[in-house]
Amino acid sequence: MDKIFVEKIAKNIKRLREQRGLTQLGLALEIGVTPGAIANIETVRSDITATRLNSIAKALKVEAYELLKFDD
C-alpha cells in the first residue's frame, strides 16, 4: 500500500463526508459497512478497494475520480 496515496484519498473522503454533513455512521449505513470500517479508511488503518471507493463516491454524490484529485 502506498500510504501517502491512501492518506490523500482518506483526507478527501473525510472532507467530503463532513461537507455533506454525514457522520461516519451515516456514511457507513449508506454503503452497508460498519462505522469502524469508515474510521479505518479515514485513518488509513485499512486500504480501500475500487468497489468501496465507488460506493463511497456514490454516497457522497461525487464521481469516484473526485476522491482521487489531489492539490499537489
N, C-alpha and C. Protein backbone atom coordinates (compact mmCIF):
# COMPACT_ATOMS: atom_id res chain seq x y z
N MET A 1 0.86 -1.18 0.00
CA MET A 1 0.00 0.00 0.00
C MET A 1 0.90 1.23 0.00
N ASP A 2 0.61 2.16 -0.88
CA ASP A 2 1.30 3.44 -0.92
C ASP A 2 0.60 4.36 0.09
N LYS A 3 1.17 4.44 1.28
CA LYS A 3 0.50 5.12 2.39
C LYS A 3 0.17 6.58 2.07
N ILE A 4 1.05 7.30 1.43
CA ILE A 4 0.79 8.71 1.11
C ILE A 4 -0.40 8.84 0.17
N PHE A 5 -0.47 7.99 -0.84
CA PHE A 5 -1.59 8.00 -1.79
C PHE A 5 -2.90 7.71 -1.06
N VAL A 6 -2.90 6.68 -0.21
CA VAL A 6 -4.12 6.31 0.52
C VAL A 6 -4.50 7.40 1.52
N GLU A 7 -3.52 8.06 2.13
CA GLU A 7 -3.81 9.17 3.04
C GLU A 7 -4.54 10.30 2.32
N LYS A 8 -4.14 10.58 1.10
CA LYS A 8 -4.78 11.65 0.32
C LYS A 8 -6.22 11.28 0.00
N ILE A 9 -6.46 10.04 -0.35
CA ILE A 9 -7.83 9.59 -0.62
C ILE A 9 -8.66 9.70 0.66
N ALA A 10 -8.10 9.23 1.76
CA ALA A 10 -8.79 9.27 3.05
C ALA A 10 -9.15 10.70 3.44
N LYS A 11 -8.24 11.62 3.21
CA LYS A 11 -8.49 13.02 3.52
C LYS A 11 -9.65 13.56 2.68
N ASN A 12 -9.69 13.19 1.40
CA ASN A 12 -10.78 13.63 0.53
C ASN A 12 -12.11 13.05 0.99
N ILE A 13 -12.11 11.78 1.35
CA ILE A 13 -13.35 11.15 1.83
C ILE A 13 -13.86 11.87 3.07
N LYS A 14 -12.99 12.09 4.03
CA LYS A 14 -13.40 12.75 5.27
C LYS A 14 -13.90 14.17 5.00
N ARG A 15 -13.18 14.91 4.16
CA ARG A 15 -13.58 16.29 3.85
C ARG A 15 -14.97 16.33 3.20
N LEU A 16 -15.16 15.48 2.20
CA LEU A 16 -16.45 15.47 1.51
C LEU A 16 -17.57 14.96 2.40
N ARG A 17 -17.27 13.98 3.24
CA ARG A 17 -18.28 13.47 4.17
C ARG A 17 -18.73 14.58 5.12
N GLU A 18 -17.76 15.31 5.66
CA GLU A 18 -18.10 16.40 6.58
C GLU A 18 -18.82 17.53 5.87
N GLN A 19 -18.43 17.84 4.63
CA GLN A 19 -19.12 18.88 3.86
C GLN A 19 -20.59 18.51 3.62
N ARG A 20 -20.85 17.24 3.47
CA ARG A 20 -22.22 16.77 3.23
C ARG A 20 -22.99 16.61 4.53
N GLY A 21 -22.33 16.86 5.66
CA GLY A 21 -22.99 16.75 6.96
C GLY A 21 -23.25 15.32 7.39
N LEU A 22 -22.47 14.39 6.86
CA LEU A 22 -22.62 12.98 7.22
C LEU A 22 -21.64 12.60 8.33
N THR A 23 -22.11 11.80 9.24
CA THR A 23 -21.21 11.20 10.23
C THR A 23 -20.62 9.94 9.63
N GLN A 24 -19.66 9.37 10.30
CA GLN A 24 -19.13 8.08 9.85
C GLN A 24 -20.24 7.03 9.87
N LEU A 25 -21.11 7.10 10.87
CA LEU A 25 -22.23 6.18 10.95
C LEU A 25 -23.16 6.36 9.75
N GLY A 26 -23.48 7.60 9.42
CA GLY A 26 -24.36 7.87 8.29
C GLY A 26 -23.81 7.34 6.99
N LEU A 27 -22.52 7.58 6.75
CA LEU A 27 -21.89 7.08 5.54
C LEU A 27 -21.86 5.55 5.54
N ALA A 28 -21.54 4.99 6.69
CA ALA A 28 -21.49 3.53 6.80
C ALA A 28 -22.85 2.90 6.48
N LEU A 29 -23.91 3.48 6.99
CA LEU A 29 -25.25 2.96 6.73
C LEU A 29 -25.60 3.04 5.24
N GLU A 30 -25.17 4.11 4.60
CA GLU A 30 -25.47 4.29 3.17
C GLU A 30 -24.78 3.25 2.30
N ILE A 31 -23.59 2.81 2.70
CA ILE A 31 -22.87 1.87 1.83
C ILE A 31 -22.84 0.44 2.39
N GLY A 32 -23.48 0.22 3.54
CA GLY A 32 -23.60 -1.13 4.07
C GLY A 32 -22.37 -1.69 4.75
N VAL A 33 -21.64 -0.83 5.46
CA VAL A 33 -20.49 -1.28 6.24
C VAL A 33 -20.64 -0.76 7.66
N THR A 34 -19.72 -1.13 8.52
CA THR A 34 -19.75 -0.64 9.90
C THR A 34 -19.10 0.74 9.97
N PRO A 35 -19.45 1.52 10.98
CA PRO A 35 -18.77 2.80 11.17
C PRO A 35 -17.27 2.61 11.37
N GLY A 36 -16.89 1.50 11.98
CA GLY A 36 -15.47 1.19 12.17
C GLY A 36 -14.73 1.05 10.85
N ALA A 37 -15.41 0.53 9.84
CA ALA A 37 -14.79 0.39 8.51
C ALA A 37 -14.51 1.77 7.93
N ILE A 38 -15.44 2.71 8.11
CA ILE A 38 -15.21 4.07 7.63
C ILE A 38 -14.08 4.71 8.40
N ALA A 39 -14.08 4.53 9.71
CA ALA A 39 -13.00 5.08 10.54
C ALA A 39 -11.65 4.51 10.11
N ASN A 40 -11.60 3.23 9.81
CA ASN A 40 -10.34 2.61 9.37
C ASN A 40 -9.87 3.17 8.04
N ILE A 41 -10.79 3.47 7.15
CA ILE A 41 -10.43 4.07 5.86
C ILE A 41 -9.90 5.48 6.09
N GLU A 42 -10.62 6.26 6.89
CA GLU A 42 -10.24 7.67 7.09
C GLU A 42 -8.94 7.83 7.89
N THR A 43 -8.59 6.84 8.67
CA THR A 43 -7.34 6.91 9.45
C THR A 43 -6.25 6.03 8.85
N VAL A 44 -6.49 5.53 7.66
CA VAL A 44 -5.53 4.73 6.89
C VAL A 44 -5.08 3.48 7.64
N ARG A 45 -5.99 2.90 8.40
CA ARG A 45 -5.70 1.61 9.04
C ARG A 45 -5.98 0.47 8.09
N SER A 46 -6.77 0.77 7.05
CA SER A 46 -7.02 -0.26 6.04
C SER A 46 -7.02 0.39 4.66
N ASP A 47 -6.67 -0.40 3.69
CA ASP A 47 -6.65 0.05 2.30
C ASP A 47 -8.09 0.06 1.80
N ILE A 48 -8.33 0.72 0.68
CA ILE A 48 -9.67 0.82 0.14
C ILE A 48 -9.71 0.16 -1.25
N THR A 49 -10.73 -0.63 -1.47
CA THR A 49 -10.87 -1.28 -2.77
C THR A 49 -11.55 -0.32 -3.75
N ALA A 50 -11.42 -0.62 -5.01
CA ALA A 50 -12.07 0.20 -6.05
C ALA A 50 -13.59 0.16 -5.88
N THR A 51 -14.11 -1.00 -5.53
CA THR A 51 -15.56 -1.13 -5.33
C THR A 51 -16.03 -0.27 -4.17
N ARG A 52 -15.28 -0.31 -3.08
CA ARG A 52 -15.65 0.50 -1.91
C ARG A 52 -15.51 1.99 -2.23
N LEU A 53 -14.46 2.35 -2.95
CA LEU A 53 -14.26 3.74 -3.36
C LEU A 53 -15.46 4.23 -4.18
N ASN A 54 -15.93 3.40 -5.09
CA ASN A 54 -17.08 3.76 -5.91
C ASN A 54 -18.34 3.90 -5.06
N SER A 55 -18.54 3.01 -4.11
CA SER A 55 -19.70 3.08 -3.22
C SER A 55 -19.68 4.36 -2.39
N ILE A 56 -18.51 4.71 -1.88
CA ILE A 56 -18.38 5.93 -1.09
C ILE A 56 -18.64 7.15 -1.96
N ALA A 57 -18.11 7.16 -3.16
CA ALA A 57 -18.33 8.28 -4.07
C ALA A 57 -19.82 8.48 -4.33
N LYS A 58 -20.53 7.39 -4.60
CA LYS A 58 -21.97 7.48 -4.85
C LYS A 58 -22.70 8.04 -3.64
N ALA A 59 -22.34 7.56 -2.45
CA ALA A 59 -22.98 8.02 -1.23
C ALA A 59 -22.70 9.51 -0.98
N LEU A 60 -21.52 9.97 -1.39
CA LEU A 60 -21.14 11.37 -1.22
C LEU A 60 -21.60 12.24 -2.39
N LYS A 61 -22.25 11.58 -3.38
CA LYS A 61 -22.78 12.27 -4.56
C LYS A 61 -21.70 12.98 -5.37
N VAL A 62 -20.59 12.27 -5.56
CA VAL A 62 -19.50 12.74 -6.41
C VAL A 62 -19.07 11.59 -7.32
N GLU A 63 -18.35 11.92 -8.36
CA GLU A 63 -17.75 10.89 -9.20
C GLU A 63 -16.54 10.32 -8.46
N ALA A 64 -16.24 9.06 -8.69
CA ALA A 64 -15.13 8.41 -7.99
C ALA A 64 -13.81 9.14 -8.20
N TYR A 65 -13.61 9.70 -9.39
CA TYR A 65 -12.34 10.39 -9.64
C TYR A 65 -12.15 11.60 -8.72
N GLU A 66 -13.25 12.16 -8.20
CA GLU A 66 -13.14 13.30 -7.28
C GLU A 66 -12.40 12.90 -6.01
N LEU A 67 -12.50 11.65 -5.61
CA LEU A 67 -11.79 11.19 -4.42
C LEU A 67 -10.30 11.01 -4.68
N LEU A 68 -9.93 11.00 -5.97
CA LEU A 68 -8.53 10.81 -6.34
C LEU A 68 -7.85 12.10 -6.77
N LYS A 69 -8.54 13.23 -6.67
CA LYS A 69 -7.95 14.51 -7.05
C LYS A 69 -7.17 15.08 -5.86
N PHE A 70 -5.94 15.45 -6.14
CA PHE A 70 -5.08 15.99 -5.08
C PHE A 70 -4.53 17.34 -5.50
N ASP A 71 -4.24 18.18 -4.51
CA ASP A 71 -3.72 19.52 -4.78
C ASP A 71 -2.29 19.51 -5.27
N ASP A 72 -1.53 18.50 -4.90
CA ASP A 72 -0.10 18.50 -5.26
C ASP A 72 0.22 17.59 -6.40
